[in-house]
């Protein structure tokens, strides 16, 4: 009996896809929304700080 090369028992030689295209797009969209919200909060806080500084 010969041992086959490659992965162990129960694993295929070809790699399975990591995630579906729909899941990848959903994660990318949520990251884009989170980044834009973070950017808006940062700009708002910076503008509030410049308005409240004494001249």
Protein backbone atom coordinates (compact mmCIF):
# COMPACT_ATOMS: atom_id res chain seq x y z
CA UNK A 1 0.00 0.00 0.00
CA UNK A 2 1.50 3.33 -1.07
CA UNK A 3 0.96 6.57 0.65
CA UNK A 4 -0.34 9.33 -1.57
CA UNK A 5 1.48 12.62 -1.78
CA UNK A 6 -0.24 15.81 -0.68
CA UNK A 7 -2.62 16.49 2.12
CA UNK A 8 -3.67 14.05 4.77
CA UNK A 9 -6.83 11.95 4.74
CA UNK A 10 -10.05 13.89 4.45
CA UNK A 11 -8.56 16.85 2.65
CA UNK A 12 -8.71 17.44 -1.08
CA UNK A 13 -5.60 18.31 -3.04
CA UNK A 14 -7.18 21.39 -4.56
CA UNK A 15 -7.81 24.30 -2.19
CA UNK A 16 -11.40 25.21 -1.49
CA UNK A 17 -12.54 28.78 -2.13
CA UNK A 18 -12.12 30.91 0.97
CA UNK A 19 -15.36 32.83 0.72
CA UNK A 20 -18.12 33.38 -1.75
CA UNK A 21 -18.17 36.45 -3.94
CA UNK A 22 -21.28 37.75 -2.19
CA UNK A 23 -19.63 37.48 1.23
CA UNK A 24 -16.49 39.21 -0.03
CA UNK A 25 -18.52 42.09 -1.45
CA UNK A 26 -20.53 42.38 1.77
CA UNK A 27 -17.36 42.59 3.85
CA UNK A 28 -15.86 45.16 1.48
CA UNK A 29 -19.02 47.27 1.61
CA UNK A 30 -19.19 47.18 5.39
CA UNK A 31 -15.52 48.16 5.67
CA UNK A 32 -16.08 51.05 3.27
CA UNK A 33 -19.06 52.25 5.32
CA UNK A 34 -17.11 51.97 8.56
CA UNK A 35 -14.18 53.87 7.09
CA UNK A 36 -16.40 56.67 5.79
CA UNK A 37 -18.17 56.99 9.16
CA UNK A 38 -14.81 57.14 10.93
CA UNK A 39 -13.61 59.80 8.51
CA UNK A 40 -16.76 61.87 8.99
CA UNK A 41 -16.44 61.69 12.78
CA UNK A 42 -12.78 62.71 12.60
CA UNK A 43 -13.51 65.68 10.34
CA UNK A 44 -16.42 66.74 12.56
CA UNK A 45 -14.31 66.59 15.71
CA UNK A 46 -11.50 68.54 14.08
CA UNK A 47 -13.88 71.23 12.87
CA UNK A 48 -15.52 71.50 16.30
CA UNK A 49 -12.10 71.85 17.94
CA UNK A 50 -11.05 74.61 15.54
CA UNK A 51 -14.33 76.47 16.11
CA UNK A 52 -14.08 76.35 19.90
CA UNK A 53 -10.44 77.44 20.14
CA UNK A 54 -10.02 80.99 21.39
CA UNK A 55 -8.74 83.36 18.76
